[in-house]
Protein backbone atom coordinates (compact mmCIF):
# COMPACT_ATOMS: atom_id res chain seq x y z
CA MET A 1 0.00 0.00 0.00
CA GLY A 2 1.51 3.29 -1.14
CA ARG A 3 4.86 1.82 -2.17
CA ASP A 4 4.39 2.66 -5.87
CA LEU A 5 3.63 6.27 -4.96
CA ALA A 6 6.67 6.58 -2.72
CA GLU A 7 8.94 5.11 -5.40
CA ALA A 8 7.54 7.30 -8.19
CA PHE A 9 7.19 10.62 -6.38
CA PRO A 10 9.61 12.03 -3.77
CA VAL A 11 6.85 14.32 -2.47
CA ALA A 12 4.65 11.29 -1.72
CA ARG A 13 7.52 9.71 0.21
CA LEU A 14 7.85 12.92 2.24
CA VAL A 15 4.16 12.74 3.22
CA LEU A 16 4.60 9.18 4.45
CA GLU A 17 7.72 10.14 6.38
CA GLU A 18 5.91 13.10 7.93
CA ILE A 19 3.18 10.78 9.18
CA ASP A 20 5.76 8.27 10.45
CA ASP A 21 7.37 11.06 12.47
CA ALA A 22 4.05 12.36 13.78
CA LEU A 23 3.09 8.91 15.06
CA SER A 24 6.62 7.89 16.17
CA GLN A 25 5.90 4.72 14.19
CA ARG A 26 7.17 3.20 10.96
CA LEU A 27 3.66 3.15 9.53
CA SER A 28 5.01 3.39 5.99
CA ARG A 29 6.95 0.14 6.42
CA LEU A 30 3.77 -1.53 7.67
CA MET A 31 1.92 -0.17 4.63
CA PHE A 32 4.60 -1.43 2.23
CA GLU A 33 5.41 -4.79 3.79
CA GLY A 34 2.63 -5.76 6.19
CA PRO A 35 1.78 -8.01 7.86
CA ALA A 36 -1.74 -7.35 6.59
CA ASP A 37 -3.45 -8.30 9.84
CA GLU A 38 -1.44 -5.67 11.72
CA LEU A 39 -2.12 -3.03 9.07
CA MET A 40 -5.85 -3.80 9.26
CA LEU A 41 -6.01 -3.00 12.98
CA THR A 42 -8.17 0.11 12.99
CA GLU A 43 -5.58 2.22 14.84
CA ASN A 44 -3.17 1.52 11.95
CA ALA A 45 -5.63 1.34 9.07
CA GLN A 46 -7.11 4.77 9.73
CA PRO A 47 -3.85 6.78 9.54
CA ALA A 48 -2.62 4.54 6.71
CA LEU A 49 -5.62 5.41 4.55
CA LEU A 50 -5.08 9.07 5.40
CA ALA A 51 -1.42 8.72 4.33
CA ALA A 52 -2.39 7.25 0.97
CA SER A 53 -4.98 9.95 0.29
CA LEU A 54 -2.74 12.85 1.28
CA ALA A 55 0.22 11.43 -0.65
CA VAL A 56 -1.85 11.49 -3.85
CA THR A 57 -3.23 14.94 -3.03
CA ARG A 58 0.24 16.37 -2.39
CA VAL A 59 1.61 14.91 -5.64
CA LEU A 60 -1.27 16.42 -7.61
CA ARG A 61 -0.73 19.79 -5.95
CA GLU A 62 3.05 20.08 -5.90
CA ASP A 63 4.05 18.05 -8.98
CA GLY A 64 0.92 18.53 -11.06
CA GLY A 65 -0.09 22.08 -10.19
CA LEU A 66 -3.57 21.13 -8.98
CA ASP A 67 -5.23 24.01 -7.15
CA LEU A 68 -8.19 22.68 -5.17
CA GLN A 69 -9.72 26.15 -4.87
CA ALA A 70 -9.60 26.56 -8.64
CA HIS A 71 -10.44 23.02 -9.72
CA ALA A 72 -12.89 21.81 -7.05
CA SER A 73 -16.12 23.03 -5.47
CA PHE A 74 -16.13 20.74 -2.41
CA VAL A 75 -14.13 18.10 -0.60
CA ALA A 76 -15.69 15.17 1.26
CA GLY A 77 -14.59 11.93 2.84
CA HIS A 78 -16.36 8.82 4.10
CA SER A 79 -15.98 8.30 7.87
CA LEU A 80 -12.22 8.45 8.58
CA GLY A 81 -11.82 9.90 5.08
CA GLU A 82 -13.36 13.12 6.35
CA TYR A 83 -10.03 13.78 8.08
CA SER A 84 -8.24 13.42 4.73
CA ALA A 85 -10.71 15.86 3.20
CA LEU A 86 -10.14 18.35 6.02
CA ALA A 87 -6.37 18.07 5.70
CA ALA A 88 -6.58 18.51 1.92
CA ALA A 89 -8.69 21.64 2.47
CA GLY A 90 -6.13 23.11 4.88
CA CYS A 91 -8.25 22.68 8.04
CA LEU A 92 -5.88 20.22 9.67
CA GLU A 93 -2.13 19.89 9.50
CA THR A 94 -1.07 16.48 8.15
CA ALA A 95 0.62 15.51 11.42
CA ASP A 96 -2.42 16.52 13.48
CA ALA A 97 -4.77 14.57 11.22
CA ALA A 98 -2.60 11.45 11.54
CA ARG A 99 -2.42 11.72 15.33
CA LEU A 100 -6.17 12.30 15.57
CA LEU A 101 -6.89 9.19 13.51
CA LYS A 102 -4.50 7.15 15.66
CA VAL A 103 -6.47 8.26 18.72
CA ARG A 104 -9.76 7.67 16.92
CA GLY A 105 -8.84 4.16 15.84
CA ARG A 106 -7.55 3.16 19.26
CA ALA A 107 -10.54 4.69 21.05
CA MET A 108 -13.02 2.99 18.73
CA GLN A 109 -11.34 -0.36 19.28
CA GLN A 110 -11.31 0.06 23.05
CA ALA A 111 -14.90 1.34 23.30
CA VAL A 112 -16.42 -2.13 22.93
CA PRO A 113 -14.79 -5.46 23.89
CA VAL A 114 -13.96 -7.68 20.92
CA GLY A 115 -16.89 -9.96 20.12
CA VAL A 116 -19.53 -7.77 21.77
CA GLY A 117 -20.31 -5.64 18.72
CA ALA A 118 -20.75 -6.24 15.00
CA MET A 119 -21.76 -4.63 11.71
CA ALA A 120 -23.69 -5.98 8.73
CA ALA A 121 -24.45 -4.79 5.21
CA LEU A 122 -28.10 -4.90 4.18
CA LEU A 123 -28.13 -4.93 0.38
CA GLY A 124 -31.28 -4.09 -1.53
CA LEU A 125 -32.93 -2.09 1.26
CA ASP A 126 -33.25 1.68 1.44
CA LEU A 127 -32.42 3.66 4.56
CA GLU A 128 -35.91 3.81 6.06
CA VAL A 129 -36.50 0.07 5.68
CA ALA A 130 -33.04 -0.65 7.11
CA ARG A 131 -33.85 1.56 10.11
CA ALA A 132 -37.09 -0.35 10.65
CA VAL A 133 -35.19 -3.63 10.48
CA ALA A 134 -32.66 -2.36 13.02
CA ALA A 135 -35.42 -1.21 15.39
CA GLU A 136 -37.13 -4.60 15.15
CA ALA A 137 -33.83 -6.38 15.82
CA ALA A 138 -32.94 -4.42 18.95
CA PRO A 139 -35.11 -6.32 21.50
CA SER A 140 -33.41 -9.58 22.47
CA PRO A 141 -35.19 -12.90 23.16
CA GLU A 142 -34.23 -12.44 26.83
CA GLY A 143 -36.30 -9.26 27.02
CA THR A 144 -33.45 -6.78 27.06
CA THR A 145 -32.96 -4.05 24.48
CA GLU A 146 -29.68 -3.99 22.59
CA ILE A 147 -28.26 -1.43 20.21
CA CYS A 148 -28.84 -1.83 16.48
CA ALA A 149 -28.79 1.24 14.25
CA ALA A 150 -28.08 2.36 10.71
CA ALA A 151 -24.39 3.32 10.57
CA ASN A 152 -23.61 3.97 6.90
CA ASP A 153 -26.08 5.05 4.22
CA ASN A 154 -23.66 4.35 1.39
CA ALA A 155 -25.81 4.19 -1.74
CA PRO A 156 -29.32 3.22 -2.80
CA GLY A 157 -29.78 -0.33 -1.58
CA GLN A 158 -26.60 -0.39 0.49
CA VAL A 159 -27.03 0.38 4.18
CA VAL A 160 -24.78 -0.85 6.97
CA VAL A 161 -26.15 -1.48 10.47
CA SER A 162 -24.09 -1.53 13.65
CA GLY A 163 -24.55 -2.49 17.29
CA HIS A 164 -24.53 -5.44 19.66
CA LYS A 165 -23.60 -8.65 17.88
CA GLY A 166 -26.82 -10.48 18.73
CA ALA A 167 -28.97 -7.59 17.52
CA VAL A 168 -27.01 -7.23 14.28
CA GLU A 169 -27.34 -10.97 13.65
CA ARG A 170 -31.09 -10.67 14.17
CA ALA A 171 -31.15 -7.76 11.72
CA VAL A 172 -29.53 -9.97 9.09
CA GLU A 173 -32.29 -12.57 9.56
CA ILE A 174 -35.09 -9.98 9.57
CA ALA A 175 -33.72 -8.23 6.46
CA ALA A 176 -34.12 -11.40 4.41
CA GLY A 177 -37.85 -11.28 5.06
CA ARG A 178 -38.04 -7.57 4.19
CA GLY A 179 -36.80 -8.01 0.65
CA ALA A 180 -33.07 -7.65 1.10
CA ARG A 181 -31.16 -9.01 -1.85
CA ARG A 182 -28.43 -10.05 0.56
CA ALA A 183 -27.54 -9.39 4.19
CA VAL A 184 -24.05 -10.21 5.40
CA MET A 185 -22.00 -9.76 8.53
CA LEU A 186 -18.90 -7.62 7.97
CA PRO A 187 -15.37 -8.56 9.10
CA VAL A 188 -14.85 -5.54 11.36
CA SER A 189 -13.27 -5.28 14.78
CA ALA A 190 -15.83 -2.95 16.37
CA PRO A 191 -19.39 -1.61 15.86
CA PHE A 192 -18.58 1.77 14.34
CA HIS A 193 -20.99 4.71 14.00
CA CYS A 194 -23.51 3.74 16.66
CA SER A 195 -24.10 4.78 20.27
CA LEU A 196 -21.79 2.02 21.53
CA MET A 197 -18.98 4.28 20.35
CA ALA A 198 -19.83 6.97 22.93
CA PRO A 199 -16.57 6.42 24.87
CA ALA A 200 -14.64 6.97 21.62
CA ALA A 201 -16.61 10.16 20.96
CA ASP A 202 -15.55 11.44 24.39
CA ALA A 203 -11.91 10.63 23.59
CA MET A 204 -12.17 12.47 20.28
CA ALA A 205 -13.75 15.51 21.92
CA GLU A 206 -10.71 15.75 24.17
CA ALA A 207 -8.23 15.18 21.33
CA LEU A 208 -9.93 17.63 18.98
CA ALA A 209 -10.06 20.32 21.67
CA ALA A 210 -6.26 20.40 21.66
CA VAL A 211 -5.90 20.78 17.87
CA THR A 212 -6.06 23.90 15.72
CA ILE A 213 -8.72 23.73 13.01
CA ALA A 214 -8.39 26.44 10.38
CA PRO A 215 -11.13 27.64 8.01
CA PRO A 216 -11.13 25.37 4.93
CA LEU A 217 -9.91 26.61 1.58
CA LEU A 218 -13.16 25.27 0.12
CA PRO A 219 -16.34 23.85 1.67
CA VAL A 220 -16.22 20.42 3.31
CA VAL A 221 -19.32 18.22 3.09
CA ALA A 222 -19.81 16.76 6.56
CA ASN A 223 -20.82 13.13 7.08
CA VAL A 224 -23.24 14.01 9.89
CA THR A 225 -25.21 16.71 8.08
CA ALA A 226 -24.65 15.92 4.38
CA THR A 227 -24.21 19.65 3.82
CA ALA A 228 -21.25 21.99 3.45
CA VAL A 229 -19.50 23.33 6.53
CA GLN A 230 -16.78 25.98 6.79
CA ASP A 231 -16.82 27.20 10.39
CA PRO A 232 -13.90 25.62 12.34
CA GLU A 233 -15.88 25.17 15.57
CA SER A 234 -18.75 23.54 13.69
CA ILE A 235 -16.24 21.18 12.06
CA ARG A 236 -14.81 20.29 15.48
CA LYS A 237 -18.30 19.55 16.86
CA LEU A 238 -19.34 17.49 13.85
CA LEU A 239 -16.20 15.34 14.00
CA VAL A 240 -17.17 14.34 17.54
CA GLU A 241 -20.76 13.60 16.49
CA GLN A 242 -19.48 11.57 13.53
CA VAL A 243 -18.05 8.87 15.82
CA THR A 244 -21.52 7.73 16.89
CA GLY A 245 -23.56 9.17 14.01
CA LEU A 246 -24.83 7.92 10.69
CA VAL A 247 -22.46 8.43 7.75
CA ARG A 248 -24.83 10.11 5.28
CA TRP A 249 -22.74 9.39 2.20
CA ARG A 250 -25.59 8.92 -0.29
CA GLU A 251 -27.06 12.26 0.73
CA SER A 252 -23.62 13.91 0.68
CA VAL A 253 -23.08 12.93 -2.94
CA LEU A 254 -26.59 14.07 -3.89
CA PHE A 255 -26.00 17.38 -2.09
CA MET A 256 -22.89 18.01 -4.19
CA LYS A 257 -24.83 17.22 -7.36
CA THR A 258 -27.60 19.67 -6.44
CA GLU A 259 -24.85 22.29 -5.98
CA GLY A 260 -23.73 21.78 -9.57
CA VAL A 261 -21.02 19.13 -9.21
CA GLU A 262 -20.75 16.91 -12.27
CA GLN A 263 -17.45 15.11 -11.64
CA LEU A 264 -16.19 13.34 -8.52
CA VAL A 265 -12.57 12.24 -8.12
CA GLU A 266 -11.57 9.75 -5.41
CA LEU A 267 -8.02 10.33 -4.19
CA GLY A 268 -6.13 7.56 -2.40
CA ALA A 269 -6.29 3.81 -1.99
CA GLY A 270 -9.07 1.90 -3.73
CA LYS A 271 -12.10 2.68 -5.84
CA VAL A 272 -14.96 2.13 -3.39
CA LEU A 273 -16.26 5.70 -3.25
CA SER A 274 -16.19 6.28 -7.01
CA GLY A 275 -18.12 3.03 -7.38
CA LEU A 276 -20.71 4.18 -4.85
CA ALA A 277 -21.03 7.54 -6.61
CA ARG A 278 -22.00 5.84 -9.86
CA ARG A 279 -24.65 3.85 -7.99
CA ILE A 280 -25.98 6.97 -6.30
CA ASP A 281 -26.40 8.89 -9.55
CA ARG A 282 -25.46 7.50 -12.93
CA ASP A 283 -25.23 11.00 -14.40
CA LEU A 284 -22.19 11.76 -12.24
CA GLU A 285 -18.76 11.15 -13.68
CA ALA A 286 -16.69 9.41 -11.01
CA SER A 287 -13.10 8.21 -11.18
CA ALA A 288 -10.37 7.03 -8.83
CA VAL A 289 -6.82 8.41 -8.71
CA GLY A 290 -4.45 6.38 -6.57
CA THR A 291 -1.62 5.00 -8.69
CA PRO A 292 1.17 6.77 -10.61
CA ALA A 293 -0.53 5.91 -13.91
CA GLU A 294 -3.89 7.25 -12.69
CA ILE A 295 -2.22 10.44 -11.46
CA GLU A 296 -0.61 10.99 -14.86
CA ALA A 297 -3.88 10.39 -16.70
CA PHE A 298 -5.83 12.67 -14.37
CA LEU A 299 -3.38 15.55 -14.71
CA LYS A 300 -3.58 15.28 -18.49
CA SER A 301 -7.36 15.55 -18.25
CA LEU A 302 -7.33 18.86 -16.36
């Protein structure tokens, strides 16, 4: 992960080294060499994904002359990706963003003991039906009420629920009877974006209080509100709420379209968000830029 960028672009290597220094950790070596199971620990995966996104962004800016204020109308990121968007927009320093995500990942992992929580993807159901499924799944056979809530509204027919493991498993069973095309448990280490993450939200409130957040160079579309935000204190508040709140990605993409956006470009590792964008609205042009070849092609297209 990221090795091809570091080998092709000295500026990308500098970003990775900056994040290594900020974390006092050889995260770049873990990204390049693994082991994969260690990289996938959320306290490593979150800053690693940030590193990949900001490495691409820095290459486009410094080697390719990309000016976000001139070329883009908004920035946005899904869940932890919101920190990459904020750093790209000048709200957060790279080192601060990396340290915040390290805290966020560790706090999320520690908020719920392993095996207590779970997440599942409900495919073929819209948000309101998924919410009804989650509400029906919350009461346990023993008469207690567990947590089960919509966590990610990713695209039409793709909603993720999160909460106590038993409740999420019941949601998978209930969804099949509500017309879900498929309902599957996800291989995650914690139940993200639900009220079980309240201890992590408290940890992030403390961490964010100690960090400078500058006004963004261009509007940031917040996960929690699916609208643009530019006030630094509002951004700080929304990042805390995001830990336990629904990631309103489908609405975020539609908001950008209503504001006149016609092209979305995903910067960093993978092509998940550009794929979701095409499912959200087929009229949107969406592409991914994460490899040296993709960077070269994108810069030629500007």
